[in-house]
Amino acid sequence: MPKTDILLIDAYSQIFRCFYAIRALSNSRGEPTNAIFGFTKLLLRIDKNYPSEYGALLFDCGKPEFRLELAPDYKANRPPTPEDLKAQVPYLKEVAEAFGWNSFFQEGYEADDLIAVVAAEFNDKSVKFISSDKDLAQLIDERVEMLIPAKTSTGFTIRGTQEVVEKFNVKPEQIIDYLAMIGDSSDNIPGLKGVGPKTAAKLLHEFGSIDNILAEPEKISNAKLRQKVIDNTELLKKNIKLVTLKADIDKAPWQGIRKLKRNQPDWDKIRDFCQRMELHSIIKELPPADDLWSAPPIKKEPPAAKTKQKKESDKFAPDLFGGND
């Protein structure tokens, strides 16, 4: 399989998905391992099926104040992070590093925003990102694709431009307006009451965008729908700002493509980790000790640079799920 230039993981969403997909799993010491098992399995699957020259785990960090100023109840419906998941955070970080993944975050921004920054900044490379968040469909084009972990298998569903049209009945560039109309319950964003996916898609087929709709609302044939749009003009404008991903962060945390360079998986460390965590079924899937990863060797950084990078990574670990409490 040809390599993807840049492969990104929406870490927060995938860790939660792994945690809730597998219940009541622990090792002989009584330590919860459900998220550890699912996330390790995910990283192994990625390494086998989607080799990439560059990549990163991207995390939410802190509160997105620019969205909370618009909507103080943004994501207020999210429950606190379970204690069993918090206990697994250090191990999730450890196994990700063993698989060669760098982790990045930016205070006050969400992982989705960082994905948007990468897609915009490195526009000469193909980009794939692993997530299930539908708002990320706004980034998809001929160069950028989404990988959605399949619910009933160990593979991924690829979502490109055509797949966006097939699923939502709108183009990727219309996703922002589409979500602004129907809302997004997972982020606690209310849409137009009584306007669902079919109505939103129909309006966008007819007018092209919310801007065009608001410019000539009298052209909406259905009187009730016309009045609803007129009465909720400010809501629609606010929702557009909430849903639009921020691709213009002043200083990206990775500071150039070099920082996104993937490292080789350390299979000895991964095997040791799986043994300690008692992930016996995963051990059987690991490659033989002499099965080298196909990426070129990575030039080691000087000790000072490595120390600085470790401190930055450590700074994030205690706050990994703090924003949901």
Protein backbone atom coordinates (compact mmCIF):
# COMPACT_ATOMS: atom_id res chain seq x y z
CA MET A 1 0.00 0.00 0.00
CA PRO A 2 1.46 3.42 -0.92
CA LYS A 3 2.30 5.73 1.92
CA THR A 4 0.19 8.69 2.91
CA ASP A 5 2.30 11.82 3.23
CA ILE A 6 0.69 12.97 6.49
CA LEU A 7 -1.54 10.87 8.76
CA LEU A 8 -3.22 12.57 11.72
CA ILE A 9 -5.14 11.08 14.63
CA ASP A 10 -7.86 12.96 16.47
CA ALA A 11 -6.54 11.42 19.68
CA TYR A 12 -9.20 12.61 22.09
CA SER A 13 -12.09 11.18 20.08
CA GLN A 14 -10.35 7.88 19.39
CA ILE A 15 -9.32 7.31 23.00
CA PHE A 16 -12.89 7.87 24.15
CA ARG A 17 -14.19 5.63 21.38
CA CYS A 18 -11.85 2.83 22.49
CA PHE A 19 -12.82 3.29 26.14
CA TYR A 20 -16.55 3.03 25.52
CA ALA A 21 -16.33 0.33 22.85
CA ILE A 22 -14.73 -2.13 25.28
CA ARG A 23 -16.13 -2.50 28.78
CA ALA A 24 -14.98 -4.22 32.00
CA LEU A 25 -11.47 -5.09 30.81
CA SER A 26 -8.64 -5.16 33.35
CA ASN A 27 -5.39 -6.99 34.04
CA SER A 28 -4.57 -9.32 36.94
CA ARG A 29 -3.57 -6.30 39.07
CA GLY A 30 -7.06 -4.90 38.77
CA GLU A 31 -5.95 -1.97 36.55
CA PRO A 32 -8.46 -0.95 33.85
CA THR A 33 -7.09 -1.66 30.38
CA ASN A 34 -10.04 -1.25 28.02
CA ALA A 35 -8.84 2.04 26.49
CA ILE A 36 -5.26 0.77 26.48
CA PHE A 37 -6.26 -2.38 24.62
CA GLY A 38 -8.42 -0.57 22.05
CA PHE A 39 -5.92 2.22 21.44
CA THR A 40 -2.96 -0.16 21.09
CA LYS A 41 -5.00 -2.21 18.65
CA LEU A 42 -5.81 0.96 16.69
CA LEU A 43 -2.14 2.01 16.48
CA LEU A 44 -1.14 -1.45 15.29
CA ARG A 45 -3.87 -1.41 12.65
CA ILE A 46 -2.73 2.01 11.43
CA ASP A 47 0.88 0.89 11.21
CA LYS A 48 -0.09 -2.13 9.12
CA ASN A 49 -2.61 -0.48 6.79
CA TYR A 50 -1.65 3.20 6.54
CA PRO A 51 2.10 3.74 6.65
CA SER A 52 2.94 7.43 6.57
CA GLU A 53 6.08 9.50 6.33
CA TYR A 54 4.67 12.20 8.60
CA GLY A 55 2.01 12.16 11.25
CA ALA A 56 0.93 13.10 14.76
CA LEU A 57 -1.57 12.62 17.52
CA LEU A 58 -3.48 15.85 17.95
CA PHE A 59 -5.21 16.72 21.23
CA ASP A 60 -7.75 19.20 22.51
CA CYS A 61 -6.16 21.43 25.14
CA GLY A 62 -7.96 23.87 27.40
CA LYS A 63 -11.19 25.68 26.59
CA PRO A 64 -11.77 27.11 23.10
CA GLU A 65 -12.53 30.60 24.34
CA PHE A 66 -13.30 31.96 20.86
CA ARG A 67 -16.18 29.48 20.65
CA LEU A 68 -17.31 29.87 24.26
CA GLU A 69 -17.59 33.63 23.76
CA LEU A 70 -20.12 32.91 21.02
CA ALA A 71 -21.89 30.12 22.90
CA PRO A 72 -21.15 29.71 26.63
CA ASP A 73 -22.91 26.33 26.60
CA TYR A 74 -20.73 24.96 23.78
CA LYS A 75 -20.04 21.28 24.61
CA ALA A 76 -21.65 21.80 28.02
CA ASN A 77 -23.48 18.51 27.53
CA ARG A 78 -20.26 16.48 27.75
CA PRO A 79 -20.05 14.28 30.89
CA PRO A 80 -16.98 14.29 33.16
CA THR A 81 -14.14 12.01 32.14
CA PRO A 82 -14.46 8.62 33.89
CA GLU A 83 -11.82 7.94 36.54
CA ASP A 84 -11.05 4.57 34.92
CA LEU A 85 -10.06 6.42 31.76
CA LYS A 86 -7.95 9.01 33.57
CA ALA A 87 -5.99 6.18 35.18
CA GLN A 88 -5.03 4.86 31.74
CA VAL A 89 -3.71 8.18 30.36
CA PRO A 90 0.00 7.63 31.22
CA TYR A 91 -0.08 4.23 29.52
CA LEU A 92 -1.80 5.62 26.43
CA LYS A 93 0.97 8.19 26.13
CA GLU A 94 3.63 5.50 26.62
CA VAL A 95 2.33 3.18 23.92
CA ALA A 96 1.82 6.05 21.45
CA GLU A 97 5.47 7.05 21.87
CA ALA A 98 6.57 3.43 21.43
CA PHE A 99 4.70 3.35 18.10
CA GLY A 100 6.65 6.43 17.00
CA TRP A 101 3.92 9.05 17.27
CA ASN A 102 4.58 12.63 18.29
CA SER A 103 1.81 14.43 20.17
CA PHE A 104 0.80 18.06 19.69
CA PHE A 105 -1.68 20.46 21.22
CA GLN A 106 -2.28 24.18 21.35
CA GLU A 107 -3.79 25.88 24.38
CA GLY A 108 -7.33 27.05 23.63
CA TYR A 109 -7.77 25.03 20.44
CA GLU A 110 -9.37 21.70 19.61
CA ALA A 111 -7.78 18.84 17.74
CA ASP A 112 -10.11 19.48 14.80
CA ASP A 113 -8.62 22.97 14.45
CA LEU A 114 -5.09 21.56 14.41
CA ILE A 115 -6.09 19.10 11.69
CA ALA A 116 -7.36 22.06 9.68
CA VAL A 117 -4.04 23.86 10.20
CA VAL A 118 -2.02 20.88 8.93
CA ALA A 119 -4.25 20.44 5.89
CA ALA A 120 -3.88 24.12 5.00
CA GLU A 121 -0.19 24.52 5.84
CA PHE A 122 1.14 21.51 3.93
CA ASN A 123 -0.97 21.84 0.80
CA ASP A 124 1.60 20.04 -1.33
CA LYS A 125 1.07 16.74 0.50
CA SER A 126 -1.75 14.23 0.82
CA VAL A 127 -3.39 14.26 4.24
CA LYS A 128 -5.51 11.62 5.93
CA PHE A 129 -7.00 12.00 9.39
CA ILE A 130 -8.62 9.47 11.69
CA SER A 131 -11.79 10.70 13.34
CA SER A 132 -15.55 10.26 13.40
CA ASP A 133 -16.41 13.95 13.80
CA LYS A 134 -18.67 15.04 10.97
CA ASP A 135 -17.55 18.69 11.15
CA LEU A 136 -14.16 17.59 9.80
CA ALA A 137 -15.83 16.76 6.48
CA GLN A 138 -15.48 20.48 5.66
CA LEU A 139 -11.74 19.84 5.08
CA ILE A 140 -12.14 17.04 2.54
CA ASP A 141 -11.06 17.57 -1.06
CA GLU A 142 -9.06 15.73 -3.70
CA ARG A 143 -5.99 15.85 -1.41
CA VAL A 144 -7.53 15.42 2.05
CA GLU A 145 -9.45 12.33 3.19
CA MET A 146 -11.01 11.09 6.39
CA LEU A 147 -10.55 7.61 7.85
CA ILE A 148 -13.41 6.43 10.05
CA PRO A 149 -12.81 3.31 12.18
CA ALA A 150 -15.38 0.76 11.11
CA LYS A 151 -17.82 -0.35 13.82
CA THR A 152 -18.10 -3.97 12.73
CA SER A 153 -14.59 -4.74 11.50
CA THR A 154 -10.93 -3.94 12.05
CA GLY A 155 -10.69 -1.68 9.02
CA PHE A 156 -11.46 1.92 8.15
CA THR A 157 -14.08 3.56 6.01
CA ILE A 158 -12.54 6.14 3.70
CA ARG A 159 -14.51 9.35 3.33
CA GLY A 160 -13.49 11.46 0.36
CA THR A 161 -15.42 14.05 -1.64
CA GLN A 162 -17.79 11.53 -3.21
CA GLU A 163 -18.46 9.80 0.10
CA VAL A 164 -19.35 13.14 1.72
CA VAL A 165 -21.92 13.78 -1.01
CA GLU A 166 -23.32 10.27 -0.65
CA LYS A 167 -23.66 10.52 3.14
CA PHE A 168 -24.81 14.11 3.63
CA ASN A 169 -26.18 14.96 0.17
CA VAL A 170 -24.05 18.13 0.15
CA LYS A 171 -20.50 18.92 -0.98
CA PRO A 172 -17.62 19.22 1.53
CA GLU A 173 -17.54 22.98 1.04
CA GLN A 174 -21.22 23.10 2.11
CA ILE A 175 -20.76 21.10 5.33
CA ILE A 176 -20.36 24.22 7.48
CA ASP A 177 -23.68 25.65 6.29
CA TYR A 178 -25.31 22.23 6.51
CA LEU A 179 -24.31 21.80 10.18
CA ALA A 180 -25.21 25.41 10.93
CA MET A 181 -28.77 24.62 9.87
CA ILE A 182 -29.25 21.19 11.46
CA GLY A 183 -27.04 21.80 14.50
CA ASP A 184 -24.66 19.35 16.16
CA SER A 185 -25.99 17.66 19.29
CA SER A 186 -22.59 16.23 20.21
CA ASP A 187 -21.22 19.78 20.57
CA ASN A 188 -24.45 21.18 22.04
CA ILE A 189 -25.06 23.39 19.01
CA PRO A 190 -28.81 23.80 18.36
CA GLY A 191 -29.91 24.17 14.75
CA LEU A 192 -33.11 25.50 13.23
CA LYS A 193 -35.98 23.75 15.00
CA GLY A 194 -37.73 21.40 12.63
CA VAL A 195 -35.01 21.61 9.96
CA GLY A 196 -33.34 18.24 9.44
CA PRO A 197 -30.74 16.89 7.03
CA LYS A 198 -33.12 16.56 4.07
CA THR A 199 -34.45 20.11 4.33
CA ALA A 200 -30.98 21.57 4.87
CA ALA A 201 -29.58 19.70 1.85
CA LYS A 202 -32.55 20.78 -0.28
CA LEU A 203 -31.99 24.44 0.59
CA LEU A 204 -28.28 24.18 -0.16
CA HIS A 205 -28.98 22.50 -3.50
CA GLU A 206 -31.29 25.35 -4.39
CA PHE A 207 -29.33 28.33 -3.03
CA GLY A 208 -25.76 27.05 -2.69
CA SER A 209 -25.02 28.64 0.69
CA ILE A 210 -26.57 30.26 3.76
CA ASP A 211 -25.27 33.63 2.58
CA ASN A 212 -27.32 33.26 -0.58
CA ILE A 213 -30.37 32.14 1.42
CA LEU A 214 -30.16 35.13 3.76
CA ALA A 215 -29.64 37.51 0.84
CA GLU A 216 -32.96 36.46 -0.75
CA PRO A 217 -35.08 34.61 1.84
CA GLU A 218 -38.24 35.58 -0.05
CA LYS A 219 -37.28 32.97 -2.65
CA ILE A 220 -37.90 30.13 -0.15
CA SER A 221 -41.17 28.67 -1.40
CA ASN A 222 -42.34 27.19 1.91
CA ALA A 223 -43.79 30.06 3.97
CA LYS A 224 -43.14 28.46 7.38
CA LEU A 225 -39.57 27.60 6.48
CA ARG A 226 -39.03 31.07 5.05
CA GLN A 227 -40.14 32.70 8.29
CA LYS A 228 -38.07 30.28 10.35
CA VAL A 229 -34.93 31.23 8.44
CA ILE A 230 -35.69 34.96 8.77
CA ASP A 231 -36.36 34.64 12.51
CA ASN A 232 -33.13 32.73 13.08
CA THR A 233 -30.70 34.75 10.98
CA GLU A 234 -28.42 35.49 13.94
CA LEU A 235 -28.46 31.86 15.07
CA LEU A 236 -27.33 30.73 11.63
CA LYS A 237 -24.52 33.28 11.54
CA LYS A 238 -23.39 32.25 15.01
CA ASN A 239 -23.48 28.55 14.14
CA ILE A 240 -21.34 29.13 11.06
CA LYS A 241 -18.65 30.68 13.28
CA LEU A 242 -18.93 27.83 15.80
CA VAL A 243 -18.66 25.07 13.20
CA THR A 244 -15.90 26.63 11.08
CA LEU A 245 -12.51 25.16 11.97
CA LYS A 246 -9.68 27.58 12.72
CA ALA A 247 -6.87 27.05 10.22
CA ASP A 248 -5.12 30.34 11.00
CA ILE A 249 -3.41 29.67 14.34
CA ASP A 250 -0.58 32.20 14.73
CA LYS A 251 2.09 29.67 15.67
CA ALA A 252 1.60 25.99 14.95
CA PRO A 253 2.94 23.78 17.77
CA TRP A 254 4.94 21.54 15.41
CA GLN A 255 7.05 24.36 13.87
CA GLY A 256 7.44 22.93 10.39
CA ILE A 257 7.15 19.59 8.63
CA ARG A 258 10.30 18.20 10.27
CA LYS A 259 8.54 17.95 13.63
CA LEU A 260 5.82 15.82 12.05
CA LYS A 261 8.30 13.20 10.90
CA ARG A 262 7.17 9.75 12.04
CA ASN A 263 9.58 7.66 14.09
CA GLN A 264 9.99 3.93 13.68
CA PRO A 265 7.92 1.78 16.04
CA ASP A 266 10.06 0.24 18.77
CA TRP A 267 8.70 -3.28 18.65
CA ASP A 268 10.68 -4.39 21.71
CA LYS A 269 9.10 -1.62 23.77
CA ILE A 270 5.68 -2.38 22.34
CA ARG A 271 6.05 -6.08 23.13
CA ASP A 272 7.22 -5.28 26.67
CA PHE A 273 4.32 -2.87 27.12
CA CYS A 274 1.79 -5.48 25.98
CA GLN A 275 3.27 -8.04 28.34
CA ARG A 276 3.11 -5.66 31.31
CA MET A 277 -0.47 -4.68 30.49
CA GLU A 278 -1.34 -8.34 29.74
CA LEU A 279 -2.55 -7.64 26.21
CA HIS A 280 -1.91 -11.22 25.16
CA SER A 281 -3.98 -11.24 21.97
CA ILE A 282 -2.11 -8.19 20.66
CA ILE A 283 1.28 -9.80 21.33
CA LYS A 284 0.33 -12.49 18.81
CA GLU A 285 -0.17 -9.80 16.14
CA LEU A 286 3.19 -8.10 16.59
CA PRO A 287 5.77 -8.59 13.82
CA PRO A 288 8.85 -10.73 14.38
CA ALA A 289 11.79 -8.96 15.99
CA ASP A 290 13.64 -8.71 12.66
CA ASP A 291 10.63 -7.27 10.76
CA LEU A 292 11.72 -3.65 10.30
CA TRP A 293 9.37 -0.78 9.61
CA SER A 294 9.76 0.51 6.07
CA ALA A 295 10.28 4.18 6.90
CA PRO A 296 13.81 5.62 6.51
CA PRO A 297 15.90 6.05 9.68
CA ILE A 298 15.24 9.21 11.64
CA LYS A 299 18.16 11.42 12.53
CA LYS A 300 18.39 11.73 16.31
CA GLU A 301 18.00 15.15 17.86
CA PRO A 302 20.68 16.52 20.18
CA PRO A 303 20.08 15.82 23.89
CA ALA A 304 18.95 19.41 24.63
CA ALA A 305 16.24 19.27 21.99
CA LYS A 306 15.04 15.88 23.23
CA THR A 307 14.85 17.11 26.82
CA LYS A 308 12.82 20.15 25.79
CA GLN A 309 10.44 18.05 23.72
CA LYS A 310 9.87 15.65 26.63
CA LYS A 311 9.04 18.49 29.00
CA GLU A 312 6.50 19.90 26.55
CA SER A 313 4.90 16.49 26.22
CA ASP A 314 4.87 15.93 29.98
CA LYS A 315 3.22 19.30 30.48
CA PHE A 316 0.22 18.11 28.53
CA ALA A 317 -0.33 14.71 30.14
CA PRO A 318 -2.02 15.87 33.40
CA ASP A 319 -4.37 18.15 31.43
CA LEU A 320 -5.27 15.60 28.77
CA PHE A 321 -8.89 15.25 29.87
CA GLY A 322 -9.12 18.25 32.19
CA GLY A 323 -11.31 20.26 29.85
CA ASN A 324 -14.27 17.95 30.33
CA ASP A 325 -14.42 18.12 34.12
